[in-house]
Amino acid sequence: MPFGLCNAPAHFQRTVMAVVDLGDVHAVIYLDDIVVHGSSIEEVWKETVVVLERLCRAGFMINIKKSKFLVQEAKILGHELRPGYIKPNYKKLQTLIKKKRPTNAKELQSLFGLLSYFR
């Protein structure tokens, strides 16, 4: 698919999801972010190897410098992930707390956009 088309990100995500085949892998994919999860380090490592093998077989390249493996905590898509809980990013919450009361329709739309982030 040519770059610059409005549906290219969705097409890319569907392609990655098809390659990884989420039916038997514990992973979450959003565009070019892949989070592999499990109940133990061994399980996560096995799942990660499966995901990487499938991506390599399909011709995808992984940027190792941007990759993180076997971490207990991560910040992804504006949320902090730790064992046992997920919470919104502190900076996003501070933006919401400091937001002034809307006085017109445009400011109200901006507030709704920020609030929808936390859904």
C-alpha atoms as a PDB file:
ATOM      1  CA  MET A   1       0.000   0.000   0.000  1.00  0.00           C
ATOM      2  CA  PRO A   2       1.426   3.430  -0.908  1.00  0.00           C
ATOM      3  CA  PHE A   3       2.379   5.702   1.965  1.00  0.00           C
ATOM      4  CA  GLY A   4       0.318   8.803   2.553  1.00  0.00           C
ATOM      5  CA  LEU A   5      -3.067   7.190   2.184  1.00  0.00           C
ATOM      6  CA  CYS A   6      -5.495   7.827   5.024  1.00  0.00           C
ATOM      7  CA  ASN A   7      -6.178   4.133   5.622  1.00  0.00           C
ATOM      8  CA  ALA A   8      -2.507   3.042   5.589  1.00  0.00           C
ATOM      9  CA  PRO A   9      -2.165   2.849   9.425  1.00  0.00           C
ATOM     10  CA  ALA A  10      -5.251   0.643   9.750  1.00  0.00           C
ATOM     11  CA  HIS A  11      -4.056  -1.552   6.876  1.00  0.00           C
ATOM     12  CA  PHE A  12      -0.614  -1.878   8.486  1.00  0.00           C
ATOM     13  CA  GLN A  13      -2.137  -2.842  11.847  1.00  0.00           C
ATOM     14  CA  ARG A  14      -4.386  -5.479  10.247  1.00  0.00           C
ATOM     15  CA  THR A  15      -1.380  -6.888   8.396  1.00  0.00           C
ATOM     16  CA  VAL A  16       0.706  -7.142  11.577  1.00  0.00           C
ATOM     17  CA  MET A  17      -2.210  -8.740  13.432  1.00  0.00           C
ATOM     18  CA  ALA A  18      -2.644 -11.308  10.651  1.00  0.00           C
ATOM     19  CA  VAL A  19       1.076 -12.107  10.633  1.00  0.00           C
ATOM     20  CA  VAL A  20       1.288 -12.497  14.414  1.00  0.00           C
ATOM     21  CA  ASP A  21      -2.000 -14.479  14.503  1.00  0.00           C
ATOM     22  CA  LEU A  22      -3.335 -13.465  17.903  1.00  0.00           C
ATOM     23  CA  GLY A  23      -5.370 -16.654  18.238  1.00  0.00           C
ATOM     24  CA  ASP A  24      -2.571 -18.476  20.044  1.00  0.00           C
ATOM     25  CA  VAL A  25      -0.327 -15.647  21.281  1.00  0.00           C
ATOM     26  CA  HIS A  26      -0.809 -13.421  24.327  1.00  0.00           C
ATOM     27  CA  ALA A  27      -0.114 -10.077  22.694  1.00  0.00           C
ATOM     28  CA  VAL A  28      -1.770  -6.729  22.128  1.00  0.00           C
ATOM     29  CA  ILE A  29      -1.017  -4.837  18.929  1.00  0.00           C
ATOM     30  CA  TYR A  30      -1.645  -1.169  18.207  1.00  0.00           C
ATOM     31  CA  LEU A  31      -0.121   0.063  14.947  1.00  0.00           C
ATOM     32  CA  ASP A  32       3.605  -0.632  15.397  1.00  0.00           C
ATOM     33  CA  ASP A  33       3.479  -1.302  19.161  1.00  0.00           C
ATOM     34  CA  ILE A  34       3.363  -4.932  20.249  1.00  0.00           C
ATOM     35  CA  VAL A  35       2.990  -5.807  23.923  1.00  0.00           C
ATOM     36  CA  VAL A  36       3.485  -9.470  24.796  1.00  0.00           C
ATOM     37  CA  HIS A  37       2.169 -10.453  28.215  1.00  0.00           C
ATOM     38  CA  GLY A  38       1.922 -13.521  30.393  1.00  0.00           C
ATOM     39  CA  SER A  39       1.856 -14.831  33.934  1.00  0.00           C
ATOM     40  CA  SER A  40       5.589 -15.614  34.134  1.00  0.00           C
ATOM     41  CA  ILE A  41       8.864 -14.478  32.599  1.00  0.00           C
ATOM     42  CA  GLU A  42       9.236 -17.868  30.891  1.00  0.00           C
ATOM     43  CA  GLU A  43       5.779 -17.615  29.306  1.00  0.00           C
ATOM     44  CA  VAL A  44       6.416 -14.051  28.103  1.00  0.00           C
ATOM     45  CA  TRP A  45       9.780 -15.056  26.658  1.00  0.00           C
ATOM     46  CA  LYS A  46       8.277 -18.003  24.728  1.00  0.00           C
ATOM     47  CA  GLU A  47       5.478 -15.777  23.372  1.00  0.00           C
ATOM     48  CA  THR A  48       8.001 -13.076  22.402  1.00  0.00           C
ATOM     49  CA  VAL A  49      10.103 -15.578  20.455  1.00  0.00           C
ATOM     50  CA  VAL A  50       7.001 -16.778  18.588  1.00  0.00           C
ATOM     51  CA  VAL A  51       5.994 -13.191  17.715  1.00  0.00           C
ATOM     52  CA  LEU A  52       9.508 -12.270  16.537  1.00  0.00           C
ATOM     53  CA  GLU A  53       9.809 -15.432  14.424  1.00  0.00           C
ATOM     54  CA  ARG A  54       6.476 -14.739  12.721  1.00  0.00           C
ATOM     55  CA  LEU A  55       7.386 -11.116  12.020  1.00  0.00           C
ATOM     56  CA  CYS A  56      10.787 -12.079  10.601  1.00  0.00           C
ATOM     57  CA  ARG A  57       9.275 -14.811   8.398  1.00  0.00           C
ATOM     58  CA  ALA A  58       6.875 -12.224   6.966  1.00  0.00           C
ATOM     59  CA  GLY A  59       9.742  -9.850   6.166  1.00  0.00           C
ATOM     60  CA  PHE A  60       9.216  -7.306   8.930  1.00  0.00           C
ATOM     61  CA  MET A  61      12.287  -5.678  10.448  1.00  0.00           C
ATOM     62  CA  ILE A  62      12.597  -4.893  14.151  1.00  0.00           C
ATOM     63  CA  ASN A  63      14.493  -1.837  15.405  1.00  0.00           C
ATOM     64  CA  ILE A  64      16.269  -3.321  18.422  1.00  0.00           C
ATOM     65  CA  LYS A  65      17.280   0.144  19.706  1.00  0.00           C
ATOM     66  CA  LYS A  66      13.597   1.090  20.073  1.00  0.00           C
ATOM     67  CA  SER A  67      12.560  -2.283  21.501  1.00  0.00           C
ATOM     68  CA  LYS A  68      12.212  -3.281  25.150  1.00  0.00           C
ATOM     69  CA  PHE A  69      12.065  -6.893  26.263  1.00  0.00           C
ATOM     70  CA  LEU A  70      10.947  -8.525  29.529  1.00  0.00           C
ATOM     71  CA  VAL A  71      10.164  -5.299  31.392  1.00  0.00           C
ATOM     72  CA  GLN A  72       7.968  -5.201  34.491  1.00  0.00           C
ATOM     73  CA  GLU A  73       6.844  -1.592  33.911  1.00  0.00           C
ATOM     74  CA  ALA A  74       6.083   0.222  30.675  1.00  0.00           C
ATOM     75  CA  LYS A  75       4.585   3.465  29.437  1.00  0.00           C
ATOM     76  CA  ILE A  76       2.507   2.809  26.351  1.00  0.00           C
ATOM     77  CA  LEU A  77      -0.256   4.764  24.658  1.00  0.00           C
ATOM     78  CA  GLY A  78      -0.387   7.257  27.525  1.00  0.00           C
ATOM     79  CA  HIS A  79      -0.751   4.661  30.266  1.00  0.00           C
ATOM     80  CA  GLU A  80       1.608   3.205  32.822  1.00  0.00           C
ATOM     81  CA  LEU A  81       1.530  -0.587  32.991  1.00  0.00           C
ATOM     82  CA  ARG A  82       2.750  -2.465  36.062  1.00  0.00           C
ATOM     83  CA  PRO A  83       1.982  -5.897  37.448  1.00  0.00           C
ATOM     84  CA  GLY A  84      -1.562  -5.789  38.768  1.00  0.00           C
ATOM     85  CA  TYR A  85      -2.702  -2.413  37.456  1.00  0.00           C
ATOM     86  CA  ILE A  86      -2.945   0.062  34.610  1.00  0.00           C
ATOM     87  CA  LYS A  87      -3.166   3.784  35.268  1.00  0.00           C
ATOM     88  CA  PRO A  88      -3.264   6.889  33.085  1.00  0.00           C
ATOM     89  CA  ASN A  89      -0.054   8.811  32.540  1.00  0.00           C
ATOM     90  CA  TYR A  90       0.519  11.357  35.310  1.00  0.00           C
ATOM     91  CA  LYS A  91       1.180  14.210  32.857  1.00  0.00           C
ATOM     92  CA  LYS A  92      -2.171  13.636  31.132  1.00  0.00           C
ATOM     93  CA  LEU A  93      -3.940  13.723  34.490  1.00  0.00           C
ATOM     94  CA  GLN A  94      -2.187  16.970  35.417  1.00  0.00           C
ATOM     95  CA  THR A  95      -3.326  18.512  32.133  1.00  0.00           C
ATOM     96  CA  LEU A  96      -6.903  17.571  32.994  1.00  0.00           C
ATOM     97  CA  ILE A  97      -6.643  18.901  36.549  1.00  0.00           C
ATOM     98  CA  LYS A  98      -5.156  22.232  35.414  1.00  0.00           C
ATOM     99  CA  LYS A  99      -7.643  22.693  32.574  1.00  0.00           C
ATOM    100  CA  LYS A 100      -9.692  25.844  33.025  1.00  0.00           C
ATOM    101  CA  ARG A 101     -13.468  25.772  32.915  1.00  0.00           C
ATOM    102  CA  PRO A 102     -14.712  25.984  29.296  1.00  0.00           C
ATOM    103  CA  THR A 103     -16.326  29.264  28.317  1.00  0.00           C
ATOM    104  CA  ASN A 104     -17.240  28.520  24.702  1.00  0.00           C
ATOM    105  CA  ALA A 105     -18.058  25.617  22.396  1.00  0.00           C
ATOM    106  CA  LYS A 106     -14.491  25.192  21.126  1.00  0.00           C
ATOM    107  CA  GLU A 107     -13.076  24.936  24.657  1.00  0.00           C
ATOM    108  CA  LEU A 108     -15.842  22.483  25.579  1.00  0.00           C
ATOM    109  CA  GLN A 109     -14.970  20.299  22.566  1.00  0.00           C
ATOM    110  CA  SER A 110     -11.322  20.396  23.639  1.00  0.00           C
ATOM    111  CA  LEU A 111     -12.286  19.258  27.142  1.00  0.00           C
ATOM    112  CA  PHE A 112     -14.435  16.428  25.733  1.00  0.00           C
ATOM    113  CA  GLY A 113     -11.498  15.308  23.603  1.00  0.00           C
ATOM    114  CA  LEU A 114      -9.249  15.168  26.642  1.00  0.00           C
ATOM    115  CA  LEU A 115     -11.898  13.373  28.710  1.00  0.00           C
ATOM    116  CA  SER A 116     -12.486  10.779  25.973  1.00  0.00           C
ATOM    117  CA  TYR A 117      -8.804   9.902  26.227  1.00  0.00           C
ATOM    118  CA  PHE A 118      -9.467   8.450  29.689  1.00  0.00           C
ATOM    119  CA  ARG A 119     -12.436   6.268  28.657  1.00  0.00           C
END
